[in-house]
Amino acid sequence: MKSAAVTVDHSGVLIRTWRALRAPSTPLWKKGIFVAALAYLVLPVDMVPDVVPIVGWLDDVGILAIAVSQLLKQRTDNGVQ
């Protein structure tokens, strides 16, 4: 029986995020939002405590996903990949 597992490679997103953070053309406030999202991920203060199963982790992932998408949107708007 064949496995139905799907693999997803997120290395491209990580590389583009790193490049966007290092690029001088990326606005400082967008870099700040990303750093704040990372801080929100690791700090114990949350909107939904992490002890609540599933939902407690989803708010962390959601905030980080929004920050990354905004950071990468800036790069795409400028025509830089």
C-alpha atoms as a PDB file:
ATOM      1  CA  MET A   1       0.000   0.000   0.000  1.00  0.00           C
ATOM      2  CA  LYS A   2       1.370   3.393  -0.971  1.00  0.00           C
ATOM      3  CA  SER A   3       1.692   6.184   1.552  1.00  0.00           C
ATOM      4  CA  ALA A   4      -0.439   9.274   1.012  1.00  0.00           C
ATOM      5  CA  ALA A   5       1.971  11.508   2.923  1.00  0.00           C
ATOM      6  CA  VAL A   6       2.606  14.913   1.412  1.00  0.00           C
ATOM      7  CA  THR A   7       5.864  16.719   2.018  1.00  0.00           C
ATOM      8  CA  VAL A   8       6.027  20.483   1.977  1.00  0.00           C
ATOM      9  CA  ASP A   9       9.292  22.335   1.510  1.00  0.00           C
ATOM     10  CA  HIS A  10       9.255  25.639   3.374  1.00  0.00           C
ATOM     11  CA  SER A  11      12.927  26.420   2.817  1.00  0.00           C
ATOM     12  CA  GLY A  12      12.036  28.909   0.059  1.00  0.00           C
ATOM     13  CA  VAL A  13       9.885  30.920   2.465  1.00  0.00           C
ATOM     14  CA  LEU A  14      12.640  30.894   5.078  1.00  0.00           C
ATOM     15  CA  ILE A  15      15.237  32.098   2.584  1.00  0.00           C
ATOM     16  CA  ARG A  16      12.956  34.847   1.211  1.00  0.00           C
ATOM     17  CA  THR A  17      12.114  35.950   4.772  1.00  0.00           C
ATOM     18  CA  TRP A  18      15.797  36.139   5.681  1.00  0.00           C
ATOM     19  CA  ARG A  19      16.550  38.148   2.525  1.00  0.00           C
ATOM     20  CA  ALA A  20      13.664  40.519   3.200  1.00  0.00           C
ATOM     21  CA  LEU A  21      14.926  41.132   6.726  1.00  0.00           C
ATOM     22  CA  ARG A  22      18.416  41.911   5.424  1.00  0.00           C
ATOM     23  CA  ALA A  23      17.295  44.080   2.498  1.00  0.00           C
ATOM     24  CA  PRO A  24      17.694  47.837   2.975  1.00  0.00           C
ATOM     25  CA  SER A  25      14.597  48.388   0.810  1.00  0.00           C
ATOM     26  CA  THR A  26      12.320  46.679   3.357  1.00  0.00           C
ATOM     27  CA  PRO A  27      10.739  49.307   5.631  1.00  0.00           C
ATOM     28  CA  LEU A  28      11.897  49.275   9.228  1.00  0.00           C
ATOM     29  CA  TRP A  29       8.330  49.062  10.543  1.00  0.00           C
ATOM     30  CA  LYS A  30       7.753  45.785   8.631  1.00  0.00           C
ATOM     31  CA  LYS A  31      10.941  44.350  10.080  1.00  0.00           C
ATOM     32  CA  GLY A  32       9.750  45.490  13.506  1.00  0.00           C
ATOM     33  CA  ILE A  33       6.405  43.739  13.072  1.00  0.00           C
ATOM     34  CA  PHE A  34       8.228  40.502  12.218  1.00  0.00           C
ATOM     35  CA  VAL A  35      10.502  40.803  15.271  1.00  0.00           C
ATOM     36  CA  ALA A  36       7.466  41.546  17.462  1.00  0.00           C
ATOM     37  CA  ALA A  37       5.731  38.447  16.076  1.00  0.00           C
ATOM     38  CA  LEU A  38       8.771  36.332  16.951  1.00  0.00           C
ATOM     39  CA  ALA A  39       8.774  37.821  20.444  1.00  0.00           C
ATOM     40  CA  TYR A  40       5.062  37.022  20.775  1.00  0.00           C
ATOM     41  CA  LEU A  41       5.849  33.449  19.781  1.00  0.00           C
ATOM     42  CA  VAL A  42       8.451  32.915  22.515  1.00  0.00           C
ATOM     43  CA  LEU A  43       7.149  35.118  25.328  1.00  0.00           C
ATOM     44  CA  PRO A  44       4.769  33.564  27.858  1.00  0.00           C
ATOM     45  CA  VAL A  45       2.161  36.339  27.439  1.00  0.00           C
ATOM     46  CA  ASP A  46      -0.485  35.339  24.859  1.00  0.00           C
ATOM     47  CA  MET A  47      -3.988  36.321  23.814  1.00  0.00           C
ATOM     48  CA  VAL A  48      -4.876  32.640  24.139  1.00  0.00           C
ATOM     49  CA  PRO A  49      -2.662  30.743  26.612  1.00  0.00           C
ATOM     50  CA  ASP A  50      -0.636  27.891  25.123  1.00  0.00           C
ATOM     51  CA  VAL A  51      -2.030  25.503  27.736  1.00  0.00           C
ATOM     52  CA  VAL A  52      -5.315  25.519  25.778  1.00  0.00           C
ATOM     53  CA  PRO A  53      -4.853  22.649  23.315  1.00  0.00           C
ATOM     54  CA  ILE A  54      -4.658  23.531  19.611  1.00  0.00           C
ATOM     55  CA  VAL A  55      -6.205  27.014  19.897  1.00  0.00           C
ATOM     56  CA  GLY A  56      -3.379  28.204  22.130  1.00  0.00           C
ATOM     57  CA  TRP A  57      -0.835  27.344  19.447  1.00  0.00           C
ATOM     58  CA  LEU A  58      -2.896  28.543  16.496  1.00  0.00           C
ATOM     59  CA  ASP A  59      -2.849  32.173  17.603  1.00  0.00           C
ATOM     60  CA  ASP A  60       0.968  32.066  17.731  1.00  0.00           C
ATOM     61  CA  VAL A  61       1.212  30.494  14.277  1.00  0.00           C
ATOM     62  CA  GLY A  62      -1.385  32.906  12.870  1.00  0.00           C
ATOM     63  CA  ILE A  63       0.418  36.009  14.104  1.00  0.00           C
ATOM     64  CA  LEU A  64       3.731  34.763  12.723  1.00  0.00           C
ATOM     65  CA  ALA A  65       2.138  33.828   9.385  1.00  0.00           C
ATOM     66  CA  ILE A  66       0.614  37.296   9.023  1.00  0.00           C
ATOM     67  CA  ALA A  67       3.949  38.944   9.818  1.00  0.00           C
ATOM     68  CA  VAL A  68       5.829  36.789   7.292  1.00  0.00           C
ATOM     69  CA  SER A  69       3.214  37.346   4.585  1.00  0.00           C
ATOM     70  CA  GLN A  70       3.375  41.118   5.062  1.00  0.00           C
ATOM     71  CA  LEU A  71       7.163  41.057   5.007  1.00  0.00           C
ATOM     72  CA  LEU A  72       7.213  39.028   1.792  1.00  0.00           C
ATOM     73  CA  LYS A  73       4.406  41.096   0.238  1.00  0.00           C
ATOM     74  CA  GLN A  74       6.643  44.128   0.471  1.00  0.00           C
ATOM     75  CA  ARG A  75       9.358  42.293  -1.454  1.00  0.00           C
ATOM     76  CA  THR A  76       6.917  41.209  -4.158  1.00  0.00           C
ATOM     77  CA  ASP A  77       5.440  44.718  -4.503  1.00  0.00           C
ATOM     78  CA  ASN A  78       8.903  46.095  -5.190  1.00  0.00           C
ATOM     79  CA  GLY A  79       9.485  43.483  -7.873  1.00  0.00           C
ATOM     80  CA  VAL A  80      12.208  41.744  -5.850  1.00  0.00           C
ATOM     81  CA  GLN A  81      11.915  38.029  -5.154  1.00  0.00           C
END
